Amino acid sequence: MIQNGPRGLDFSDEEVQDIQSYGIDWEDYDDDRILNHHNHANPADNQGDNPFAAGSHRPNADNITCVNVLEPGCPLILEQLEYLNSKLEALPYINDHSMESRRLIWISGLNICEYLLAQ
């Protein structure tokens, strides 16, 4: 249950005295070390005349952390996968994109997999 708003945030009715500076940490905003790091790590990627695209400061691809994730193994052999796919394709609601149909497809797939792995 949510208390005090989403994620437990406190949305008090406190009046903001200076709306122009609300939510801005001016001390860090004026810190040249932080600004230089930001500008070095996120160079402006469009120097053209389009004011809406200029300087969007997307992160430099060389500085983005790469996390390699191993592909999970499949417990089904090829014949079992083909059987699963054929059974799912035969479902009358396979082409229905409603959430209820998607849920039924998952449940059907789970039941088929449990059957296949129990043998």
PDB file of N, CA and C in Angstrom:
ATOM      1  N   MET A   1       0.841  -1.183   0.000  1.00  0.00           N
ATOM      2  CA  MET A   1       0.000   0.000   0.000  1.00  0.00           C
ATOM      3  C   MET A   1       0.885   1.244   0.000  1.00  0.00           C
ATOM      4  N   ILE A   2       0.493   2.224  -0.768  1.00  0.00           N
ATOM      5  CA  ILE A   2       1.284   3.446  -0.874  1.00  0.00           C
ATOM      6  C   ILE A   2       0.916   4.385   0.271  1.00  0.00           C
ATOM      7  N   GLN A   3       1.945   4.872   0.932  1.00  0.00           N
ATOM      8  CA  GLN A   3       1.743   5.859   1.977  1.00  0.00           C
ATOM      9  C   GLN A   3       2.546   7.101   1.611  1.00  0.00           C
ATOM     10  N   ASN A   4       1.959   8.235   1.793  1.00  0.00           N
ATOM     11  CA  ASN A   4       2.642   9.505   1.505  1.00  0.00           C
ATOM     12  C   ASN A   4       3.061   9.622   0.047  1.00  0.00           C
ATOM     13  N   GLY A   5       2.241   9.120  -0.870  1.00  0.00           N
ATOM     14  CA  GLY A   5       2.529   9.278  -2.294  1.00  0.00           C
ATOM     15  C   GLY A   5       3.360   8.141  -2.844  1.00  0.00           C
ATOM     16  N   PRO A   6       3.664   8.189  -4.159  1.00  0.00           N
ATOM     17  CA  PRO A   6       4.455   7.149  -4.791  1.00  0.00           C
ATOM     18  C   PRO A   6       5.826   6.999  -4.129  1.00  0.00           C
ATOM     19  N   ARG A   7       6.217   5.758  -3.931  1.00  0.00           N
ATOM     20  CA  ARG A   7       7.518   5.422  -3.350  1.00  0.00           C
ATOM     21  C   ARG A   7       7.724   6.042  -1.976  1.00  0.00           C
ATOM     22  N   GLY A   8       6.640   6.339  -1.285  1.00  0.00           N
ATOM     23  CA  GLY A   8       6.743   6.853   0.070  1.00  0.00           C
ATOM     24  C   GLY A   8       7.244   8.279   0.162  1.00  0.00           C
ATOM     25  N   LEU A   9       7.213   9.034  -0.928  1.00  0.00           N
ATOM     26  CA  LEU A   9       7.666  10.421  -0.894  1.00  0.00           C
ATOM     27  C   LEU A   9       6.699  11.262  -0.079  1.00  0.00           C
ATOM     28  N   ASP A  10       7.234  12.201   0.605  1.00  0.00           N
ATOM     29  CA  ASP A  10       6.406  13.078   1.417  1.00  0.00           C
ATOM     30  C   ASP A  10       6.055  14.315   0.601  1.00  0.00           C
ATOM     31  N   PHE A  11       4.787  14.440   0.238  1.00  0.00           N
ATOM     32  CA  PHE A  11       4.331  15.604  -0.524  1.00  0.00           C
ATOM     33  C   PHE A  11       3.664  16.567   0.448  1.00  0.00           C
ATOM     34  N   SER A  12       4.476  17.269   1.175  1.00  0.00           N
ATOM     35  CA  SER A  12       3.919  18.189   2.168  1.00  0.00           C
ATOM     36  C   SER A  12       3.377  19.439   1.471  1.00  0.00           C
ATOM     37  N   ASP A  13       2.528  20.117   2.169  1.00  0.00           N
ATOM     38  CA  ASP A  13       1.927  21.338   1.627  1.00  0.00           C
ATOM     39  C   ASP A  13       2.762  22.564   1.957  1.00  0.00           C
ATOM     40  N   GLU A  14       4.033  22.353   2.225  1.00  0.00           N
ATOM     41  CA  GLU A  14       4.936  23.443   2.571  1.00  0.00           C
ATOM     42  C   GLU A  14       5.064  24.413   1.396  1.00  0.00           C
ATOM     43  N   GLU A  15       4.916  25.688   1.673  1.00  0.00           N
ATOM     44  CA  GLU A  15       5.009  26.693   0.617  1.00  0.00           C
ATOM     45  C   GLU A  15       6.473  26.955   0.275  1.00  0.00           C
ATOM     46  N   VAL A  16       6.763  27.001  -1.022  1.00  0.00           N
ATOM     47  CA  VAL A  16       8.122  27.251  -1.486  1.00  0.00           C
ATOM     48  C   VAL A  16       8.342  28.757  -1.521  1.00  0.00           C
ATOM     49  N   GLN A  17       9.371  29.219  -0.828  1.00  0.00           N
ATOM     50  CA  GLN A  17       9.639  30.650  -0.743  1.00  0.00           C
ATOM     51  C   GLN A  17      10.223  31.206  -2.041  1.00  0.00           C
ATOM     52  N   ASP A  18      11.220  30.508  -2.595  1.00  0.00           N
ATOM     53  CA  ASP A  18      11.886  30.988  -3.807  1.00  0.00           C
ATOM     54  C   ASP A  18      11.737  29.935  -4.893  1.00  0.00           C
ATOM     55  N   ILE A  19      10.682  30.038  -5.682  1.00  0.00           N
ATOM     56  CA  ILE A  19      10.375  29.019  -6.694  1.00  0.00           C
ATOM     57  C   ILE A  19      11.458  28.929  -7.758  1.00  0.00           C
ATOM     58  N   GLN A  20      12.194  30.006  -8.027  1.00  0.00           N
ATOM     59  CA  GLN A  20      13.247  29.995  -9.045  1.00  0.00           C
ATOM     60  C   GLN A  20      14.403  29.074  -8.660  1.00  0.00           C
ATOM     61  N   SER A  21      14.664  28.907  -7.380  1.00  0.00           N
ATOM     62  CA  SER A  21      15.785  28.071  -6.961  1.00  0.00           C
ATOM     63  C   SER A  21      15.336  26.731  -6.385  1.00  0.00           C
ATOM     64  N   TYR A  22      14.046  26.453  -6.395  1.00  0.00           N
ATOM     65  CA  TYR A  22      13.535  25.219  -5.809  1.00  0.00           C
ATOM     66  C   TYR A  22      14.066  23.992  -6.552  1.00  0.00           C
ATOM     67  N   GLY A  23      14.620  23.053  -5.809  1.00  0.00           N
ATOM     68  CA  GLY A  23      15.099  21.802  -6.383  1.00  0.00           C
ATOM     69  C   GLY A  23      16.465  21.877  -7.021  1.00  0.00           C
ATOM     70  N   ILE A  24      17.129  22.992  -6.978  1.00  0.00           N
ATOM     71  CA  ILE A  24      18.458  23.143  -7.579  1.00  0.00           C
ATOM     72  C   ILE A  24      19.478  23.291  -6.477  1.00  0.00           C
ATOM     73  N   ASP A  25      20.506  22.471  -6.525  1.00  0.00           N
ATOM     74  CA  ASP A  25      21.606  22.580  -5.575  1.00  0.00           C
ATOM     75  C   ASP A  25      22.617  23.546  -6.191  1.00  0.00           C
ATOM     76  N   TRP A  26      22.458  24.829  -5.899  1.00  0.00           N
ATOM     77  CA  TRP A  26      23.274  25.855  -6.547  1.00  0.00           C
ATOM     78  C   TRP A  26      24.749  25.713  -6.229  1.00  0.00           C
ATOM     79  N   GLU A  27      25.072  25.198  -5.068  1.00  0.00           N
ATOM     80  CA  GLU A  27      26.484  25.025  -4.709  1.00  0.00           C
ATOM     81  C   GLU A  27      27.149  24.019  -5.654  1.00  0.00           C
ATOM     82  N   ASP A  28      26.470  22.896  -5.900  1.00  0.00           N
ATOM     83  CA  ASP A  28      27.012  21.914  -6.838  1.00  0.00           C
ATOM     84  C   ASP A  28      26.898  22.397  -8.277  1.00  0.00           C
ATOM     85  N   TYR A  29      25.853  23.138  -8.594  1.00  0.00           N
ATOM     86  CA  TYR A  29      25.661  23.660  -9.943  1.00  0.00           C
ATOM     87  C   TYR A  29      26.819  24.584 -10.328  1.00  0.00           C
ATOM     88  N   ASP A  30      27.333  25.313  -9.367  1.00  0.00           N
ATOM     89  CA  ASP A  30      28.433  26.248  -9.616  1.00  0.00           C
ATOM     90  C   ASP A  30      29.812  25.620  -9.408  1.00  0.00           C
ATOM     91  N   ASP A  31      29.863  24.334  -9.108  1.00  0.00           N
ATOM     92  CA  ASP A  31      31.135  23.646  -8.870  1.00  0.00           C
ATOM     93  C   ASP A  31      31.788  23.318 -10.219  1.00  0.00           C
ATOM     94  N   ASP A  32      32.907  23.991 -10.539  1.00  0.00           N
ATOM     95  CA  ASP A  32      33.581  23.799 -11.828  1.00  0.00           C
ATOM     96  C   ASP A  32      34.059  22.363 -12.030  1.00  0.00           C
ATOM     97  N   ARG A  33      34.452  21.694 -10.959  1.00  0.00           N
ATOM     98  CA  ARG A  33      34.918  20.318 -11.071  1.00  0.00           C
ATOM     99  C   ARG A  33      33.790  19.417 -11.592  1.00  0.00           C
ATOM    100  N   ILE A  34      32.592  19.568 -11.046  1.00  0.00           N
ATOM    101  CA  ILE A  34      31.442  18.773 -11.489  1.00  0.00           C
ATOM    102  C   ILE A  34      31.056  19.150 -12.910  1.00  0.00           C
ATOM    103  N   LEU A  35      31.025  20.451 -13.203  1.00  0.00           N
ATOM    104  CA  LEU A  35      30.667  20.916 -14.547  1.00  0.00           C
ATOM    105  C   LEU A  35      31.667  20.417 -15.592  1.00  0.00           C
ATOM    106  N   ASN A  36      32.969  20.476 -15.290  1.00  0.00           N
ATOM    107  CA  ASN A  36      33.986  19.997 -16.229  1.00  0.00           C
ATOM    108  C   ASN A  36      33.856  18.495 -16.462  1.00  0.00           C
ATOM    109  N   HIS A  37      33.583  17.742 -15.387  1.00  0.00           N
ATOM    110  CA  HIS A  37      33.394  16.301 -15.536  1.00  0.00           C
ATOM    111  C   HIS A  37      32.187  16.021 -16.437  1.00  0.00           C
ATOM    112  N   HIS A  38      31.095  16.725 -16.192  1.00  0.00           N
ATOM    113  CA  HIS A  38      29.887  16.535 -17.007  1.00  0.00           C
ATOM    114  C   HIS A  38      30.164  16.852 -18.474  1.00  0.00           C
ATOM    115  N   ASN A  39      30.799  17.971 -18.742  1.00  0.00           N
ATOM    116  CA  ASN A  39      31.072  18.373 -20.126  1.00  0.00           C
ATOM    117  C   ASN A  39      32.039  17.421 -20.818  1.00  0.00           C
ATOM    118  N   HIS A  40      32.997  16.877 -20.060  1.00  0.00           N
ATOM    119  CA  HIS A  40      33.950  15.927 -20.645  1.00  0.00           C
ATOM    120  C   HIS A  40      33.273  14.586 -20.933  1.00  0.00           C
ATOM    121  N   ALA A  41      32.461  14.117 -20.017  1.00  0.00           N
ATOM    122  CA  ALA A  41      31.812  12.815 -20.170  1.00  0.00           C
ATOM    123  C   ALA A  41      30.612  12.864 -21.100  1.00  0.00           C
ATOM    124  N   ASN A  42      30.029  14.034 -21.298  1.00  0.00           N
ATOM    125  CA  ASN A  42      28.815  14.171 -22.113  1.00  0.00           C
ATOM    126  C   ASN A  42      28.948  15.340 -23.087  1.00  0.00           C
ATOM    127  N   PRO A  43      29.824  15.207 -24.091  1.00  0.00           N
ATOM    128  CA  PRO A  43      29.995  16.315 -25.027  1.00  0.00           C
ATOM    129  C   PRO A  43      28.725  16.550 -25.835  1.00  0.00           C
ATOM    130  N   ALA A  44      28.537  17.807 -26.245  1.00  0.00           N
ATOM    131  CA  ALA A  44      27.390  18.135 -27.094  1.00  0.00           C
ATOM    132  C   ALA A  44      27.506  17.320 -28.376  1.00  0.00           C
ATOM    133  N   ASP A  45      26.424  16.623 -28.752  1.00  0.00           N
ATOM    134  CA  ASP A  45      26.508  15.718 -29.889  1.00  0.00           C
ATOM    135  C   ASP A  45      25.913  16.297 -31.157  1.00  0.00           C
ATOM    136  N   ASN A  46      25.432  17.529 -31.129  1.00  0.00           N
ATOM    137  CA  ASN A  46      24.888  18.139 -32.338  1.00  0.00           C
ATOM    138  C   ASN A  46      25.217  19.623 -32.299  1.00  0.00           C
ATOM    139  N   GLN A  47      26.136  20.019 -33.114  1.00  0.00           N
ATOM    140  CA  GLN A  47      26.548  21.414 -33.151  1.00  0.00           C
ATOM    141  C   GLN A  47      25.855  22.189 -34.269  1.00  0.00           C
ATOM    142  N   GLY A  48      24.797  21.621 -34.855  1.00  0.00           N
ATOM    143  CA  GLY A  48      24.110  22.251 -35.979  1.00  0.00           C
ATOM    144  C   GLY A  48      23.273  23.447 -35.555  1.00  0.00           C
ATOM    145  N   ASP A  49      22.434  23.908 -36.473  1.00  0.00           N
ATOM    146  CA  ASP A  49      21.608  25.086 -36.250  1.00  0.00           C
ATOM    147  C   ASP A  49      20.266  24.774 -35.594  1.00  0.00           C
ATOM    148  N   ASN A  50      19.960  23.503 -35.399  1.00  0.00           N
ATOM    149  CA  ASN A  50      18.682  23.124 -34.815  1.00  0.00           C
ATOM    150  C   ASN A  50      18.735  23.337 -33.293  1.00  0.00           C
ATOM    151  N   PRO A  51      18.007  24.332 -32.779  1.00  0.00           N
ATOM    152  CA  PRO A  51      18.090  24.619 -31.342  1.00  0.00           C
ATOM    153  C   PRO A  51      17.467  23.532 -30.483  1.00  0.00           C
ATOM    154  N   PHE A  52      16.643  22.671 -31.076  1.00  0.00           N
ATOM    155  CA  PHE A  52      16.009  21.615 -30.302  1.00  0.00           C
ATOM    156  C   PHE A  52      16.893  20.387 -30.181  1.00  0.00           C
ATOM    157  N   ALA A  53      17.862  20.250 -31.075  1.00  0.00           N
ATOM    158  CA  ALA A  53      18.733  19.082 -31.052  1.00  0.00           C
ATOM    159  C   ALA A  53      20.127  19.427 -30.548  1.00  0.00           C
ATOM    160  N   ALA A  54      20.506  20.688 -30.606  1.00  0.00           N
ATOM    161  CA  ALA A  54      21.868  21.086 -30.255  1.00  0.00           C
ATOM    162  C   ALA A  54      22.147  20.841 -28.781  1.00  0.00           C
ATOM    163  N   GLY A  55      23.275  20.225 -28.540  1.00  0.00           N
ATOM    164  CA  GLY A  55      23.751  20.047 -27.173  1.00  0.00           C
ATOM    165  C   GLY A  55      22.873  19.167 -26.313  1.00  0.00           C
ATOM    166  N   SER A  56      22.378  18.090 -26.853  1.00  0.00           N
ATOM    167  CA  SER A  56      21.520  17.229 -26.043  1.00  0.00           C
ATOM    168  C   SER A  56      22.308  16.485 -24.985  1.00  0.00           C
ATOM    169  N   HIS A  57      23.614  16.478 -25.113  1.00  0.00           N
ATOM    170  CA  HIS A  57      24.509  15.882 -24.117  1.00  0.00           C
ATOM    171  C   HIS A  57      24.167  14.440 -23.793  1.00  0.00           C
ATOM    172  N   ARG A  58      23.959  13.633 -24.834  1.00  0.00           N
ATOM    173  CA  ARG A  58      23.791  12.208 -24.588  1.00  0.00           C
ATOM    174  C   ARG A  58      25.108  11.658 -24.072  1.00  0.00           C
ATOM    175  N   PRO A  59      25.087  10.655 -23.209  1.00  0.00           N
ATOM    176  CA  PRO A  59      26.341  10.111 -22.681  1.00  0.00           C
ATOM    177  C   PRO A  59      27.229   9.576 -23.797  1.00  0.00           C
ATOM    178  N   ASN A  60      28.513   9.774 -23.639  1.00  0.00           N
ATOM    179  CA  ASN A  60      29.499   9.283 -24.579  1.00  0.00           C
ATOM    180  C   ASN A  60      29.527   7.752 -24.490  1.00  0.00           C
ATOM    181  N   ALA A  61      29.404   7.089 -25.628  1.00  0.00           N
ATOM    182  CA  ALA A  61      29.345   5.622 -25.645  1.00  0.00           C
ATOM    183  C   ALA A  61      30.593   4.991 -25.042  1.00  0.00           C
ATOM    184  N   ASP A  62      31.718   5.688 -25.093  1.00  0.00           N
ATOM    185  CA  ASP A  62      32.953   5.143 -24.518  1.00  0.00           C
ATOM    186  C   ASP A  62      32.910   5.127 -22.997  1.00  0.00           C
ATOM    187  N   ASN A  63      32.020   5.926 -22.406  1.00  0.00           N
ATOM    188  CA  ASN A  63      31.967   6.030 -20.952  1.00  0.00           C
ATOM    189  C   ASN A  63      30.817   5.256 -20.324  1.00  0.00           C
ATOM    190  N   ILE A  64      30.030   4.588 -21.144  1.00  0.00           N
ATOM    191  CA  ILE A  64      28.889   3.853 -20.618  1.00  0.00           C
ATOM    192  C   ILE A  64      29.360   2.492 -20.131  1.00  0.00           C
ATOM    193  N   THR A  65      28.908   2.114 -18.971  1.00  0.00           N
ATOM    194  CA  THR A  65      29.276   0.823 -18.414  1.00  0.00           C
ATOM    195  C   THR A  65      28.613  -0.293 -19.215  1.00  0.00           C
ATOM    196  N   CYS A  66      29.393  -1.280 -19.563  1.00  0.00           N
ATOM    197  CA  CYS A  66      28.876  -2.422 -20.315  1.00  0.00           C
ATOM    198  C   CYS A  66      28.733  -3.596 -19.358  1.00  0.00           C
ATOM    199  N   VAL A  67      27.561  -4.186 -19.337  1.00  0.00           N
ATOM    200  CA  VAL A  67      27.318  -5.357 -18.508  1.00  0.00           C
ATOM    201  C   VAL A  67      26.985  -6.514 -19.434  1.00  0.00           C
ATOM    202  N   ASN A  68      27.891  -7.472 -19.522  1.00  0.00           N
ATOM    203  CA  ASN A  68      27.660  -8.645 -20.351  1.00  0.00           C
ATOM    204  C   ASN A  68      26.857  -9.661 -19.541  1.00  0.00           C
ATOM    205  N   VAL A  69      25.754 -10.100 -20.118  1.00  0.00           N
ATOM    206  CA  VAL A  69      24.887 -11.066 -19.460  1.00  0.00           C
ATOM    207  C   VAL A  69      24.849 -12.317 -20.314  1.00  0.00           C
ATOM    208  N   LEU A  70      25.136 -13.434 -19.690  1.00  0.00           N
ATOM    209  CA  LEU A  70      25.116 -14.691 -20.422  1.00  0.00           C
ATOM    210  C   LEU A  70      23.674 -15.067 -20.757  1.00  0.00           C
ATOM    211  N   GLU A  71      23.500 -15.606 -21.948  1.00  0.00           N
ATOM    212  CA  GLU A  71      22.178 -16.031 -22.368  1.00  0.00           C
ATOM    213  C   GLU A  71      21.756 -17.216 -21.505  1.00  0.00           C
ATOM    214  N   PRO A  72      20.543 -17.155 -20.967  1.00  0.00           N
ATOM    215  CA  PRO A  72      20.121 -18.272 -20.110  1.00  0.00           C
ATOM    216  C   PRO A  72      19.936 -19.541 -20.933  1.00  0.00           C
ATOM    217  N   GLY A  73      20.250 -20.647 -20.323  1.00  0.00           N
ATOM    218  CA  GLY A  73      20.088 -21.926 -21.006  1.00  0.00           C
ATOM    219  C   GLY A  73      18.618 -22.309 -21.073  1.00  0.00           C
ATOM    220  N   CYS A  74      18.251 -23.042 -22.096  1.00  0.00           N
ATOM    221  CA  CYS A  74      16.870 -23.503 -22.255  1.00  0.00           C
ATOM    222  C   CYS A  74      16.815 -24.966 -21.850  1.00  0.00           C
ATOM    223  N   PRO A  75      15.897 -25.313 -20.969  1.00  0.00           N
ATOM    224  CA  PRO A  75      15.819 -26.707 -20.530  1.00  0.00           C
ATOM    225  C   PRO A  75      15.159 -27.632 -21.572  1.00  0.00           C
ATOM    226  N   LEU A  76      14.618 -27.067 -22.643  1.00  0.00           N
ATOM    227  CA  LEU A  76      13.929 -27.865 -23.651  1.00  0.00           C
ATOM    228  C   LEU A  76      14.863 -28.176 -24.814  1.00  0.00           C
ATOM    229  N   ILE A  77      14.733 -29.380 -25.343  1.00  0.00           N
ATOM    230  CA  ILE A  77      15.476 -29.730 -26.554  1.00  0.00           C
ATOM    231  C   ILE A  77      14.681 -29.226 -27.763  1.00  0.00           C
ATOM    232  N   LEU A  78      15.286 -29.284 -28.929  1.00  0.00           N
ATOM    233  CA  LEU A  78      14.681 -28.721 -30.133  1.00  0.00           C
ATOM    234  C   LEU A  78      13.289 -29.289 -30.401  1.00  0.00           C
ATOM    235  N   GLU A  79      13.109 -30.586 -30.259  1.00  0.00           N
ATOM    236  CA  GLU A  79      11.805 -31.200 -30.510  1.00  0.00           C
ATOM    237  C   GLU A  79      10.750 -30.679 -29.535  1.00  0.00           C
ATOM    238  N   GLN A  80      11.146 -30.495 -28.286  1.00  0.00           N
ATOM    239  CA  GLN A  80      10.218 -29.963 -27.290  1.00  0.00           C
ATOM    240  C   GLN A  80       9.845 -28.513 -27.601  1.00  0.00           C
ATOM    241  N   LEU A  81      10.811 -27.731 -28.051  1.00  0.00           N
ATOM    242  CA  LEU A  81      10.523 -26.344 -28.432  1.00  0.00           C
ATOM    243  C   LEU A  81       9.549 -26.292 -29.603  1.00  0.00           C
ATOM    244  N   GLU A  82       9.755 -27.159 -30.575  1.00  0.00           N
ATOM    245  CA  GLU A  82       8.852 -27.203 -31.724  1.00  0.00           C
ATOM    246  C   GLU A  82       7.447 -27.602 -31.283  1.00  0.00           C
ATOM    247  N   TYR A  83       7.349 -28.556 -30.360  1.00  0.00           N
ATOM    248  CA  TYR A  83       6.047 -28.974 -29.831  1.00  0.00           C
ATOM    249  C   TYR A  83       5.386 -27.809 -29.097  1.00  0.00           C
ATOM    250  N   LEU A  84       6.143 -27.128 -28.252  1.00  0.00           N
ATOM    251  CA  LEU A  84       5.624 -25.969 -27.515  1.00  0.00           C
ATOM    252  C   LEU A  84       5.107 -24.913 -28.482  1.00  0.00           C
ATOM    253  N   ASN A  85       5.907 -24.553 -29.466  1.00  0.00           N
ATOM    254  CA  ASN A  85       5.507 -23.531 -30.440  1.00  0.00           C
ATOM    255  C   ASN A  85       4.254 -23.935 -31.204  1.00  0.00           C
ATOM    256  N   SER A  86       4.174 -25.207 -31.605  1.00  0.00           N
ATOM    257  CA  SER A  86       3.001 -25.645 -32.365  1.00  0.00           C
ATOM    258  C   SER A  86       1.740 -25.587 -31.508  1.00  0.00           C
ATOM    259  N   LYS A  87       1.853 -25.966 -30.240  1.00  0.00           N
ATOM    260  CA  LYS A  87       0.693 -25.919 -29.343  1.00  0.00           C
ATOM    261  C   LYS A  87       0.259 -24.477 -29.084  1.00  0.00           C
ATOM    262  N   LEU A  88       1.233 -23.592 -28.894  1.00  0.00           N
ATOM    263  CA  LEU A  88       0.891 -22.184 -28.645  1.00  0.00           C
ATOM    264  C   LEU A  88       0.284 -21.546 -29.896  1.00  0.00           C
ATOM    265  N   GLU A  89       0.833 -21.844 -31.048  1.00  0.00           N
ATOM    266  CA  GLU A  89       0.301 -21.281 -32.301  1.00  0.00           C
ATOM    267  C   GLU A  89      -1.128 -21.739 -32.573  1.00  0.00           C
ATOM    268  N   ALA A  90      -1.506 -22.904 -32.046  1.00  0.00           N
ATOM    269  CA  ALA A  90      -2.851 -23.438 -32.267  1.00  0.00           C
ATOM    270  C   ALA A  90      -3.895 -22.819 -31.332  1.00  0.00           C
ATOM    271  N   LEU A  91      -3.459 -22.042 -30.354  1.00  0.00           N
ATOM    272  CA  LEU A  91      -4.406 -21.431 -29.426  1.00  0.00           C
ATOM    273  C   LEU A  91      -5.275 -20.412 -30.158  1.00  0.00           C
ATOM    274  N   PRO A  92      -6.586 -20.397 -29.885  1.00  0.00           N
ATOM    275  CA  PRO A  92      -7.482 -19.480 -30.606  1.00  0.00           C
ATOM    276  C   PRO A  92      -7.207 -18.008 -30.318  1.00  0.00           C
ATOM    277  N   TYR A  93      -6.531 -17.707 -29.228  1.00  0.00           N
ATOM    278  CA  TYR A  93      -6.284 -16.314 -28.840  1.00  0.00           C
ATOM    279  C   TYR A  93      -4.828 -15.901 -29.059  1.00  0.00           C
ATOM    280  N   ILE A  94      -4.080 -16.688 -29.850  1.00  0.00           N
ATOM    281  CA  ILE A  94      -2.653 -16.408 -30.045  1.00  0.00           C
ATOM    282  C   ILE A  94      -2.409 -15.047 -30.696  1.00  0.00           C
ATOM    283  N   ASN A  95      -3.311 -14.584 -31.554  1.00  0.00           N
ATOM    284  CA  ASN A  95      -3.112 -13.302 -32.242  1.00  0.00           C
ATOM    285  C   ASN A  95      -3.850 -12.144 -31.588  1.00  0.00           C
ATOM    286  N   ASP A  96      -4.478 -12.414 -30.475  1.00  0.00           N
ATOM    287  CA  ASP A  96      -5.168 -11.355 -29.730  1.00  0.00           C
ATOM    288  C   ASP A  96      -4.134 -10.674 -28.831  1.00  0.00           C
ATOM    289  N   HIS A  97      -4.047  -9.373 -28.897  1.00  0.00           N
ATOM    290  CA  HIS A  97      -3.004  -8.660 -28.162  1.00  0.00           C
ATOM    291  C   HIS A  97      -3.487  -8.073 -26.839  1.00  0.00           C
ATOM    292  N   SER A  98      -4.628  -8.535 -26.363  1.00  0.00           N
ATOM    293  CA  SER A  98      -5.103  -8.037 -25.067  1.00  0.00           C
ATOM    294  C   SER A  98      -4.247  -8.638 -23.954  1.00  0.00           C
ATOM    295  N   MET A  99      -4.189  -7.963 -22.831  1.00  0.00           N
ATOM    296  CA  MET A  99      -3.411  -8.450 -21.702  1.00  0.00           C
ATOM    297  C   MET A  99      -3.955  -9.781 -21.195  1.00  0.00           C
ATOM    298  N   GLU A 100      -5.267  -9.965 -21.228  1.00  0.00           N
ATOM    299  CA  GLU A 100      -5.854 -11.222 -20.784  1.00  0.00           C
ATOM    300  C   GLU A 100      -5.393 -12.373 -21.678  1.00  0.00           C
ATOM    301  N   SER A 101      -5.365 -12.150 -22.986  1.00  0.00           N
ATOM    302  CA  SER A 101      -4.898 -13.190 -23.907  1.00  0.00           C
ATOM    303  C   SER A 101      -3.419 -13.484 -23.697  1.00  0.00           C
ATOM    304  N   ARG A 102      -2.627 -12.437 -23.497  1.00  0.00           N
ATOM    305  CA  ARG A 102      -1.191 -12.633 -23.239  1.00  0.00           C
ATOM    306  C   ARG A 102      -0.995 -13.471 -21.973  1.00  0.00           C
ATOM    307  N   ARG A 103      -1.799 -13.198 -20.955  1.00  0.00           N
ATOM    308  CA  ARG A 103      -1.712 -13.941 -19.700  1.00  0.00           C
ATOM    309  C   ARG A 103      -2.064 -15.411 -19.940  1.00  0.00           C
ATOM    310  N   LEU A 104      -3.107 -15.664 -20.713  1.00  0.00           N
ATOM    311  CA  LEU A 104      -3.515 -17.033 -21.008  1.00  0.00           C
ATOM    312  C   LEU A 104      -2.443 -17.774 -21.808  1.00  0.00           C
ATOM    313  N   ILE A 105      -1.773 -17.074 -22.703  1.00  0.00           N
ATOM    314  CA  ILE A 105      -0.691 -17.690 -23.477  1.00  0.00           C
ATOM    315  C   ILE A 105       0.440 -18.111 -22.551  1.00  0.00           C
ATOM    316  N   TRP A 106       0.808 -17.230 -21.612  1.00  0.00           N
ATOM    317  CA  TRP A 106       1.866 -17.569 -20.647  1.00  0.00           C
ATOM    318  C   TRP A 106       1.468 -18.767 -19.800  1.00  0.00           C
ATOM    319  N   ILE A 107       0.236 -18.786 -19.332  1.00  0.00           N
ATOM    320  CA  ILE A 107      -0.233 -19.903 -18.513  1.00  0.00           C
ATOM    321  C   ILE A 107      -0.223 -21.196 -19.321  1.00  0.00           C
ATOM    322  N   SER A 108      -0.685 -21.116 -20.561  1.00  0.00           N
ATOM    323  CA  SER A 108      -0.686 -22.297 -21.432  1.00  0.00           C
ATOM    324  C   SER A 108       0.736 -22.780 -21.674  1.00  0.00           C
ATOM    325  N   GLY A 109       1.640 -21.855 -21.955  1.00  0.00           N
ATOM    326  CA  GLY A 109       3.038 -22.217 -22.182  1.00  0.00           C
ATOM    327  C   GLY A 109       3.655 -22.867 -20.959  1.00  0.00           C
ATOM    328  N   LEU A 110       3.355 -22.332 -19.790  1.00  0.00           N
ATOM    329  CA  LEU A 110       3.874 -22.910 -18.547  1.00  0.00           C
ATOM    330  C   LEU A 110       3.355 -24.333 -18.363  1.00  0.00           C
ATOM    331  N   ASN A 111       2.062 -24.526 -18.601  1.00  0.00           N
ATOM    332  CA  ASN A 111       1.480 -25.868 -18.462  1.00  0.00           C
ATOM    333  C   ASN A 111       2.113 -26.854 -19.440  1.00  0.00           C
ATOM    334  N   ILE A 112       2.341 -26.424 -20.672  1.00  0.00           N
ATOM    335  CA  ILE A 112       2.970 -27.299 -21.668  1.00  0.00           C
ATOM    336  C   ILE A 112       4.396 -27.646 -21.245  1.00  0.00           C
ATOM    337  N   CYS A 113       5.136 -26.652 -20.774  1.00  0.00           N
ATOM    338  CA  CYS A 113       6.522 -26.904 -20.343  1.00  0.00           C
ATOM    339  C   CYS A 113       6.569 -27.848 -19.140  1.00  0.00           C
ATOM    340  N   GLU A 114       5.653 -27.652 -18.199  1.00  0.00           N
ATOM    341  CA  GLU A 114       5.609 -28.560 -17.050  1.00  0.00           C
ATOM    342  C   GLU A 114       5.330 -29.983 -17.506  1.00  0.00           C
ATOM    343  N   TYR A 115       4.423 -30.139 -18.470  1.00  0.00           N
ATOM    344  CA  TYR A 115       4.111 -31.456 -19.033  1.00  0.00           C
ATOM    345  C   TYR A 115       5.356 -32.059 -19.693  1.00  0.00           C
ATOM    346  N   LEU A 116       6.040 -31.259 -20.515  1.00  0.00           N
ATOM    347  CA  LEU A 116       7.213 -31.760 -21.233  1.00  0.00           C
ATOM    348  C   LEU A 116       8.330 -32.163 -20.284  1.00  0.00           C
ATOM    349  N   LEU A 117       8.548 -31.386 -19.254  1.00  0.00           N
ATOM    350  CA  LEU A 117       9.670 -31.671 -18.337  1.00  0.00           C
ATOM    351  C   LEU A 117       9.330 -32.772 -17.342  1.00  0.00           C
ATOM    352  N   ALA A 118       8.046 -33.096 -17.188  1.00  0.00           N
ATOM    353  CA  ALA A 118       7.649 -34.161 -16.263  1.00  0.00           C
ATOM    354  C   ALA A 118       7.831 -35.533 -16.889  1.00  0.00           C
ATOM    355  N   GLN A 119       7.976 -35.567 -18.190  1.00  0.00           N
ATOM    356  CA  GLN A 119       8.091 -36.872 -18.873  1.00  0.00           C
ATOM    357  C   GLN A 119       9.485 -37.439 -18.761  1.00  0.00           C
TER     358      GLN A 119
END
